[in-house]
Amino acid sequence: MRMLEQKAHQLAVEAEQDKPKPKDKILFVRSDTSRSELAQLAKQANPDEIDIDEDEDAEDGEPDEVQLEQKTVPTAVFGGLKDD
């Protein structure tokens, strides 16, 4: 039993040694590009992007008028829901 415990301890020590050591983290990276260059690059990122502007469709801000119609529903659809 002691041999098993020693072997388990040895494997645990080896596993601890094999772990990669944490390196210093880089928190910030500075760039030498200006804000205007970054804005231009952001615009060029997707030249196929579609600009959707909802204000262009409605001239006065009101939605188009929709005409509604009523239709009868067959009794087979809601036959069991009749009012008593």
Protein backbone atom coordinates (compact mmCIF):
# COMPACT_ATOMS: atom_id res chain seq x y z
CA MET A 1 0.00 0.00 0.00
CA ARG A 2 2.86 2.35 0.80
CA MET A 3 4.33 1.70 -2.64
CA LEU A 4 1.05 2.73 -4.26
CA GLU A 5 0.96 5.93 -2.20
CA GLN A 6 4.57 6.72 -3.07
CA LYS A 7 3.89 6.13 -6.76
CA ALA A 8 0.77 8.32 -6.61
CA HIS A 9 2.77 11.05 -4.87
CA GLN A 10 5.53 10.78 -7.48
CA LEU A 11 2.98 11.05 -10.32
CA ALA A 12 1.41 14.07 -8.64
CA VAL A 13 4.81 15.79 -8.36
CA GLU A 14 5.59 15.04 -12.02
CA ALA A 15 2.18 16.35 -13.10
CA GLU A 16 2.78 19.55 -11.12
CA GLN A 17 6.13 20.02 -12.83
CA ASP A 18 4.60 19.48 -16.29
CA LYS A 19 2.07 22.30 -15.84
CA PRO A 20 2.96 25.37 -17.89
CA LYS A 21 3.98 28.31 -15.79
CA PRO A 22 1.74 31.39 -16.13
CA LYS A 23 3.42 34.20 -18.04
CA ASP A 24 2.92 37.89 -17.53
CA LYS A 25 -0.29 38.99 -19.19
CA ILE A 26 -0.31 41.76 -21.75
CA LEU A 27 -3.03 44.14 -20.70
CA PHE A 28 -2.83 46.84 -23.39
CA VAL A 29 -1.36 47.04 -26.85
CA ARG A 30 -0.85 50.47 -28.33
CA SER A 31 -1.20 51.14 -32.02
CA ASP A 32 0.52 53.76 -34.10
CA THR A 33 -2.55 54.35 -36.29
CA SER A 34 -4.67 57.43 -35.73
CA ARG A 35 -8.38 57.46 -35.00
CA SER A 36 -9.24 58.61 -38.52
CA GLU A 37 -7.28 55.71 -39.98
CA LEU A 38 -9.08 53.31 -37.66
CA ALA A 39 -12.44 54.76 -38.70
CA GLN A 40 -11.53 54.34 -42.36
CA LEU A 41 -10.43 50.75 -41.75
CA ALA A 42 -13.70 50.02 -39.96
CA LYS A 43 -15.65 51.28 -42.96
CA GLN A 44 -13.55 49.17 -45.32
CA ALA A 45 -13.97 46.05 -43.19
CA ASN A 46 -17.08 44.97 -45.13
CA PRO A 47 -17.56 46.79 -48.43
CA ASP A 48 -20.68 44.67 -49.18
CA GLU A 49 -22.46 45.84 -46.03
CA ILE A 50 -26.01 46.97 -46.69
CA ASP A 51 -27.03 50.24 -45.06
CA ILE A 52 -30.58 49.83 -43.78
CA ASP A 53 -32.15 53.14 -42.90
CA GLU A 54 -35.80 52.90 -41.89
CA ASP A 55 -36.40 56.64 -42.26
CA GLU A 56 -35.93 56.55 -46.04
CA ASP A 57 -38.99 54.33 -46.67
CA ALA A 58 -41.62 56.42 -44.90
CA GLU A 59 -41.83 59.99 -46.14
CA ASP A 60 -43.83 61.38 -43.23
CA GLY A 61 -42.94 58.78 -40.61
CA GLU A 62 -46.25 56.91 -40.85
CA PRO A 63 -46.39 53.29 -41.99
CA ASP A 64 -48.16 52.36 -45.21
CA GLU A 65 -51.88 51.72 -44.82
CA VAL A 66 -52.90 48.08 -44.92
CA GLN A 67 -56.40 46.97 -45.87
CA LEU A 68 -57.77 44.20 -43.64
CA GLU A 69 -60.43 41.69 -44.64
CA GLN A 70 -62.47 39.27 -42.58
CA LYS A 71 -62.99 35.69 -43.66
CA THR A 72 -65.16 32.97 -42.19
CA VAL A 73 -63.43 30.10 -40.49
CA PRO A 74 -64.69 26.58 -41.29
CA THR A 75 -66.37 24.82 -38.37
CA ALA A 76 -63.97 21.90 -38.77
CA VAL A 77 -61.17 24.15 -37.56
CA PHE A 78 -62.79 25.52 -34.39
CA GLY A 79 -65.90 23.32 -34.18
CA GLY A 80 -65.22 22.21 -30.60
CA LEU A 81 -64.96 25.80 -29.33
CA LYS A 82 -68.55 26.87 -29.92
CA ASP A 83 -70.11 29.20 -27.35
CA ASP A 84 -72.82 27.47 -25.33
